[in-house]
Amino acid sequence: MTPTATPIIDIAAIERIVQDSQRETLLDISTEDMGPGLPGGVYVIWSPADRRYVSVRAEIEANRIHPADKRGTETAHTLEAFIDLFNRHKTKDSVIFASTDAKAPGLCAIIDYHEIEGAKASNQRQRIVYKFPLSDDWKAWMETQNKSLTQTGFAEWIEERVADLVSPTEAEVAGNSQLFQTGTATPADMLRISRGLQINVDSTVKEIVTLQSGEAQIAFNEVHKDSDGKPIKVPGMFMIAVPPFVGAGSTRLPVRLRYRKSGQSLAWAMILYRPEIVITEEVRLAIDAVKRATEAPVFEAEPSTPTR
């Protein structure tokens, strides 16, 4: 019987196999038939120690000279800047979302929006926003909205903001009279009231008489009443013209006057008539201007968050 030959063991080959099994390996995984939005293949590293695949994306991105796509959110400070930025970056797929909510008006342009033709999805990561920043004049009037003012405080406010006061047009006088059943003061009327109140600042209020016109007469128990020594005639409202937003034109709106006896003096309040409607109307005018200037679709809707 021929003895069985002892197999020769290649120790070096085994060592190479063991070393290869422990070595990290760069692999190119095909993404064929895995859906749209992927490259032809994805590079990963097989890590024997962790027994998992490790992405090399971070290492590749760290060496990229230019970004793979445009991303980020720019905030425009004026409507003109919003339009200019949009026109600079827009594509045929770019869209604009608008909010006409008076408490949070705004525009949000998404430059890389989903494709119209081909229906390919996009990440929506390049955006331009405009939040309709309120003007200082508008904020000043809103801060005093329906706020109780002393006789002196009201008089000083009128003199401080006299540049915002405007004379009512015939249409405004007629409209206010029909709606509120009262007269509408001119800026000169308001200054006269302001100065009359300052003259009588230390006087005691005798009576407030409501006239048939809807106005009132305020009489004081002192020698001085107004500069002519007569009771002060107070209309029910006056007109202002202020820009609602930074860089916007002035908007006219009525301000109602309220006053009552407070001890021996007067307490005053000013109420802007439906300012939220003014804001909404101004935003709608801005939307029309944006449509004309950009030729882009504008949707009154809330935009979705970026994909990633």
Protein backbone atom coordinates (compact mmCIF):
# COMPACT_ATOMS: atom_id res chain seq x y z
CA MET A 1 0.00 0.00 0.00
CA THR A 2 1.28 3.41 -1.00
CA PRO A 3 1.40 5.70 2.02
CA THR A 4 -0.78 8.88 1.85
CA ALA A 5 1.27 11.98 1.08
CA THR A 6 1.27 14.67 3.74
CA PRO A 7 -0.19 17.93 2.25
CA ILE A 8 2.14 20.87 2.15
CA ILE A 9 0.72 23.91 4.10
CA ASP A 10 1.55 27.31 2.58
CA ILE A 11 1.87 29.38 5.76
CA ALA A 12 2.63 32.57 3.85
CA ALA A 13 -0.54 32.23 1.76
CA ILE A 14 -2.64 31.76 4.88
CA GLU A 15 -1.11 34.82 6.46
CA ARG A 16 -1.94 36.85 3.33
CA ILE A 17 -5.56 35.66 3.44
CA VAL A 18 -5.85 36.58 7.11
CA GLN A 19 -4.28 39.98 6.52
CA ASP A 20 -6.57 40.65 3.56
CA SER A 21 -9.63 39.78 5.63
CA GLN A 22 -8.56 42.31 8.26
CA ARG A 23 -7.71 45.09 5.81
CA GLU A 24 -10.20 47.92 5.10
CA THR A 25 -11.37 47.71 1.49
CA LEU A 26 -12.75 50.43 -0.80
CA LEU A 27 -15.85 49.19 -2.62
CA ASP A 28 -17.93 50.69 -5.43
CA ILE A 29 -21.56 49.67 -4.88
CA SER A 30 -23.84 49.96 -7.91
CA THR A 31 -27.11 51.87 -7.45
CA GLU A 32 -28.75 50.52 -10.57
CA ASP A 33 -32.55 50.12 -10.19
CA MET A 34 -32.51 51.88 -6.80
CA GLY A 35 -34.63 54.85 -7.95
CA PRO A 36 -33.96 58.40 -9.14
CA GLY A 37 -31.64 60.95 -7.57
CA LEU A 38 -28.63 58.65 -7.12
CA PRO A 39 -25.25 58.51 -8.89
CA GLY A 40 -24.26 55.38 -10.82
CA GLY A 41 -22.38 54.01 -7.84
CA VAL A 42 -21.61 54.76 -4.20
CA TYR A 43 -18.15 54.36 -2.70
CA VAL A 44 -17.92 52.81 0.77
CA ILE A 45 -15.18 51.25 2.89
CA TRP A 46 -15.62 47.82 4.41
CA SER A 47 -14.32 47.92 7.99
CA PRO A 48 -13.54 44.40 9.26
CA ALA A 49 -12.91 45.66 12.79
CA ASP A 50 -16.40 47.20 13.00
CA ARG A 51 -17.91 44.70 10.59
CA ARG A 52 -19.79 47.44 8.72
CA TYR A 53 -19.61 49.64 5.66
CA VAL A 54 -18.37 53.20 6.22
CA SER A 55 -19.29 56.08 3.89
CA VAL A 56 -16.46 58.11 2.38
CA ARG A 57 -18.76 61.02 1.51
CA ALA A 58 -17.41 63.28 4.27
CA GLU A 59 -13.82 62.78 3.08
CA ILE A 60 -14.79 63.54 -0.52
CA GLU A 61 -16.79 66.62 0.43
CA ALA A 62 -13.88 67.93 2.52
CA ASN A 63 -11.81 68.13 -0.66
CA ARG A 64 -14.46 69.66 -2.91
CA ILE A 65 -13.32 72.99 -4.41
CA HIS A 66 -16.87 74.20 -5.20
CA PRO A 67 -20.18 73.20 -3.53
CA ALA A 68 -22.14 70.47 -5.27
CA ASP A 69 -25.25 72.68 -5.31
CA LYS A 70 -26.55 76.08 -4.18
CA ARG A 71 -27.96 76.18 -0.67
CA GLY A 72 -28.69 78.62 2.13
CA THR A 73 -31.29 81.26 2.97
CA GLU A 74 -30.82 84.94 2.16
CA THR A 75 -32.94 87.55 3.97
CA ALA A 76 -33.91 90.61 1.92
CA HIS A 77 -34.41 93.87 3.82
CA THR A 78 -36.58 95.49 1.14
CA LEU A 79 -39.04 94.27 -1.46
CA GLU A 80 -36.77 95.55 -4.23
CA ALA A 81 -33.86 93.50 -2.87
CA PHE A 82 -36.07 90.40 -2.74
CA ILE A 83 -37.04 90.87 -6.39
CA ASP A 84 -33.44 91.53 -7.51
CA LEU A 85 -32.08 88.49 -5.67
CA PHE A 86 -34.81 86.26 -7.06
CA ASN A 87 -34.21 87.42 -10.63
CA ARG A 88 -30.46 86.85 -10.19
CA HIS A 89 -30.84 83.19 -9.16
CA LYS A 90 -34.17 82.02 -10.56
CA THR A 91 -34.66 79.03 -12.87
CA LYS A 92 -37.71 77.94 -14.85
CA ASP A 93 -38.76 75.86 -11.82
CA SER A 94 -38.38 78.55 -9.12
CA VAL A 95 -41.51 79.55 -7.16
CA ILE A 96 -42.52 82.04 -4.45
CA PHE A 97 -44.71 81.38 -1.40
CA ALA A 98 -46.56 84.24 0.31
CA SER A 99 -48.22 84.78 3.68
CA THR A 100 -50.81 87.57 3.91
CA ASP A 101 -51.34 87.02 7.63
CA ALA A 102 -51.19 90.51 9.18
CA LYS A 103 -49.37 89.10 12.21
CA ALA A 104 -46.65 87.38 10.17
CA PRO A 105 -46.57 88.62 6.55
CA GLY A 106 -43.76 87.33 4.38
CA LEU A 107 -42.43 86.02 1.09
CA CYS A 108 -40.30 82.91 0.65
CA ALA A 109 -38.71 82.13 -2.72
CA ILE A 110 -37.48 78.59 -3.35
CA ILE A 111 -35.00 78.70 -6.18
CA ASP A 112 -34.43 74.93 -6.53
CA TYR A 113 -38.08 73.88 -6.49
CA HIS A 114 -39.36 70.60 -7.96
CA GLU A 115 -39.18 70.41 -11.75
CA ILE A 116 -42.23 71.25 -13.81
CA GLU A 117 -41.12 69.16 -16.78
CA GLY A 118 -40.01 65.66 -15.92
CA ALA A 119 -41.35 66.00 -12.36
CA LYS A 120 -37.89 65.41 -10.89
CA ALA A 121 -37.79 66.25 -7.18
CA SER A 122 -35.39 68.86 -5.84
CA ASN A 123 -33.99 69.43 -2.34
CA GLN A 124 -35.38 73.02 -2.00
CA ARG A 125 -32.26 74.23 -0.21
CA GLN A 126 -31.70 77.64 -1.85
CA ARG A 127 -34.17 80.21 -0.51
CA ILE A 128 -34.76 83.96 -0.31
CA VAL A 129 -37.08 85.41 2.34
CA TYR A 130 -38.61 88.84 2.93
CA LYS A 131 -40.51 89.39 6.18
CA PHE A 132 -42.03 92.83 5.50
CA PRO A 133 -40.22 94.65 8.34
CA LEU A 134 -42.51 97.25 9.92
CA SER A 135 -41.44 100.88 9.69
CA ASP A 136 -40.57 102.80 12.84
CA ASP A 137 -43.53 105.14 12.23
CA TRP A 138 -45.99 102.26 11.98
CA LYS A 139 -44.57 100.58 15.08
CA ALA A 140 -44.84 103.86 17.00
CA TRP A 141 -48.55 104.19 16.24
CA MET A 142 -49.20 100.51 16.94
CA GLU A 143 -47.45 100.74 20.31
CA THR A 144 -49.88 103.46 21.37
CA GLN A 145 -52.88 101.61 19.96
CA ASN A 146 -55.75 101.82 22.48
CA LYS A 147 -53.25 102.74 25.19
CA SER A 148 -54.52 105.03 27.96
CA LEU A 149 -52.74 108.39 27.87
CA THR A 150 -52.86 111.25 30.31
CA GLN A 151 -53.99 114.64 29.12
CA THR A 152 -50.39 115.81 28.94
CA GLY A 153 -49.18 112.56 27.34
CA PHE A 154 -51.79 112.77 24.59
CA ALA A 155 -51.01 116.44 23.86
CA GLU A 156 -47.28 115.73 23.65
CA TRP A 157 -47.86 112.71 21.39
CA ILE A 158 -49.85 114.77 18.87
CA GLU A 159 -47.16 117.45 18.71
CA GLU A 160 -44.41 114.84 18.39
CA ARG A 161 -46.16 112.97 15.55
CA VAL A 162 -47.70 115.96 13.79
CA ALA A 163 -45.76 115.12 10.59
CA ASP A 164 -47.81 111.90 10.32
CA LEU A 165 -51.15 113.76 10.39
CA VAL A 166 -52.88 114.56 7.08
CA SER A 167 -55.98 116.46 6.07
CA PRO A 168 -58.91 114.21 5.16
CA THR A 169 -60.18 114.18 1.60
CA GLU A 170 -63.82 114.91 0.88
CA ALA A 171 -64.40 111.21 0.31
CA GLU A 172 -62.76 110.34 3.64
CA VAL A 173 -64.83 112.96 5.49
CA ALA A 174 -68.03 111.58 3.97
CA GLY A 175 -67.05 107.96 4.54
CA ASN A 176 -65.97 108.50 8.13
CA SER A 177 -69.10 110.50 8.88
CA GLN A 178 -71.32 107.73 7.52
CA LEU A 179 -69.38 104.92 9.20
CA PHE A 180 -68.62 106.49 12.57
CA GLN A 181 -71.20 109.29 12.78
CA THR A 182 -68.55 111.88 13.66
CA GLY A 183 -66.35 114.55 12.14
CA THR A 184 -62.76 114.13 10.98
CA ALA A 185 -60.13 116.58 12.22
CA THR A 186 -57.44 118.28 10.17
CA PRO A 187 -53.84 118.50 11.42
CA ALA A 188 -54.55 122.12 12.43
CA ASP A 189 -57.53 120.93 14.48
CA MET A 190 -55.38 118.38 16.28
CA LEU A 191 -52.69 120.93 17.09
CA ARG A 192 -55.36 123.27 18.45
CA ILE A 193 -56.68 120.47 20.67
CA SER A 194 -53.16 119.61 21.81
CA ARG A 195 -52.33 123.18 22.79
CA GLY A 196 -55.71 123.70 24.44
CA LEU A 197 -55.13 120.62 26.58
CA GLN A 198 -51.68 121.84 27.59
CA ILE A 199 -53.12 125.22 28.65
CA ASN A 200 -55.67 123.41 30.80
CA VAL A 201 -53.30 120.79 32.17
CA ASP A 202 -53.81 122.00 35.75
CA SER A 203 -57.51 122.68 35.34
CA THR A 204 -60.43 120.56 36.49
CA VAL A 205 -62.69 119.05 33.86
CA LYS A 206 -66.14 120.56 34.28
CA GLU A 207 -68.10 118.64 31.67
CA ILE A 208 -67.94 116.80 28.34
CA VAL A 209 -70.86 117.57 26.06
CA THR A 210 -71.50 115.42 22.98
CA LEU A 211 -72.70 117.51 20.05
CA GLN A 212 -75.18 116.48 17.39
CA SER A 213 -72.33 116.20 14.89
CA GLY A 214 -70.76 113.42 16.91
CA GLU A 215 -68.01 115.71 18.16
CA ALA A 216 -67.67 116.81 21.78
CA GLN A 217 -66.96 119.97 23.77
CA ILE A 218 -64.77 119.74 26.85
CA ALA A 219 -65.18 122.54 29.40
CA PHE A 220 -62.83 123.26 32.31
CA ASN A 221 -63.46 124.87 35.69
CA GLU A 222 -60.72 127.47 35.34
CA VAL A 223 -60.37 130.84 33.67
CA HIS A 224 -58.30 129.35 30.82
CA LYS A 225 -60.06 126.95 28.45
CA ASP A 226 -58.21 127.15 25.14
CA SER A 227 -56.25 129.93 23.49
CA ASP A 228 -59.56 131.71 22.73
CA GLY A 229 -61.01 131.13 26.19
CA LYS A 230 -63.65 128.75 24.83
CA PRO A 231 -64.41 125.08 25.50
CA ILE A 232 -62.26 122.69 23.47
CA LYS A 233 -64.06 121.13 20.54
CA VAL A 234 -62.90 117.56 19.96
CA PRO A 235 -63.71 115.57 16.77
CA GLY A 236 -64.20 111.83 16.87
CA MET A 237 -61.28 110.95 14.61
CA PHE A 238 -58.38 112.15 12.47
CA MET A 239 -56.28 110.82 9.58
CA ILE A 240 -52.64 109.71 9.47
CA ALA A 241 -50.40 108.65 6.60
CA VAL A 242 -47.44 106.41 7.48
CA PRO A 243 -45.55 103.64 5.67
CA PRO A 244 -46.47 100.22 7.08
CA PHE A 245 -43.16 98.66 5.96
CA VAL A 246 -39.57 99.82 5.66
CA GLY A 247 -39.08 101.35 2.21
CA ALA A 248 -42.81 101.32 1.39
CA GLY A 249 -45.00 104.29 0.53
CA SER A 250 -47.28 105.89 3.09
CA THR A 251 -50.75 104.49 3.70
CA ARG A 252 -53.69 106.56 4.91
CA LEU A 253 -55.92 105.31 7.68
CA PRO A 254 -58.33 106.84 10.22
CA VAL A 255 -57.60 107.02 13.93
CA ARG A 256 -60.53 107.17 16.35
CA LEU A 257 -60.33 109.31 19.49
CA ARG A 258 -61.60 108.15 22.85
CA TYR A 259 -61.60 110.25 26.02
CA ARG A 260 -63.16 110.05 29.45
CA LYS A 261 -62.94 111.79 32.80
CA SER A 262 -60.27 110.35 35.04
CA GLY A 263 -60.54 112.03 38.40
CA GLN A 264 -60.31 115.75 37.75
CA SER A 265 -58.53 115.31 34.40
CA LEU A 266 -58.97 113.38 31.13
CA ALA A 267 -57.76 109.99 29.93
CA TRP A 268 -57.23 109.64 26.18
CA ALA A 269 -56.90 106.73 23.78
CA MET A 270 -56.26 106.47 20.04
CA ILE A 271 -57.50 103.50 18.03
CA LEU A 272 -56.24 102.85 14.50
CA TYR A 273 -59.11 101.60 12.39
CA ARG A 274 -58.49 97.98 11.30
CA PRO A 275 -54.71 98.20 10.78
CA GLU A 276 -54.53 94.46 10.09
CA ILE A 277 -56.52 95.00 6.89
CA VAL A 278 -54.05 97.68 5.82
CA ILE A 279 -51.18 95.21 6.29
CA THR A 280 -52.93 92.47 4.30
CA GLU A 281 -53.82 94.85 1.47
CA GLU A 282 -50.25 96.14 1.29
CA VAL A 283 -48.91 92.60 1.13
CA ARG A 284 -51.31 91.77 -1.71
CA LEU A 285 -50.10 94.85 -3.59
CA ALA A 286 -46.54 93.66 -3.03
CA ILE A 287 -47.45 90.21 -4.36
CA ASP A 288 -48.80 91.80 -7.56
CA ALA A 289 -45.58 93.79 -7.92
CA VAL A 290 -43.49 90.63 -7.42
CA LYS A 291 -45.49 88.73 -10.05
CA ARG A 292 -44.94 91.50 -12.58
CA ALA A 293 -41.23 91.91 -11.81
CA THR A 294 -40.28 88.23 -11.66
CA GLU A 295 -42.85 86.52 -13.92
CA ALA A 296 -42.80 83.70 -11.37
CA PRO A 297 -45.75 81.84 -9.82
CA VAL A 298 -46.71 83.08 -6.35
CA PHE A 299 -48.70 80.81 -4.04
CA GLU A 300 -50.47 81.93 -0.86
CA ALA A 301 -49.32 78.86 1.03
CA GLU A 302 -46.77 77.62 3.56
CA PRO A 303 -43.59 76.21 1.98
CA SER A 304 -42.34 72.80 3.00
CA THR A 305 -39.03 72.34 4.78
CA PRO A 306 -35.91 71.48 2.75
CA THR A 307 -35.55 67.78 1.96
CA ARG A 308 -32.10 67.48 3.55
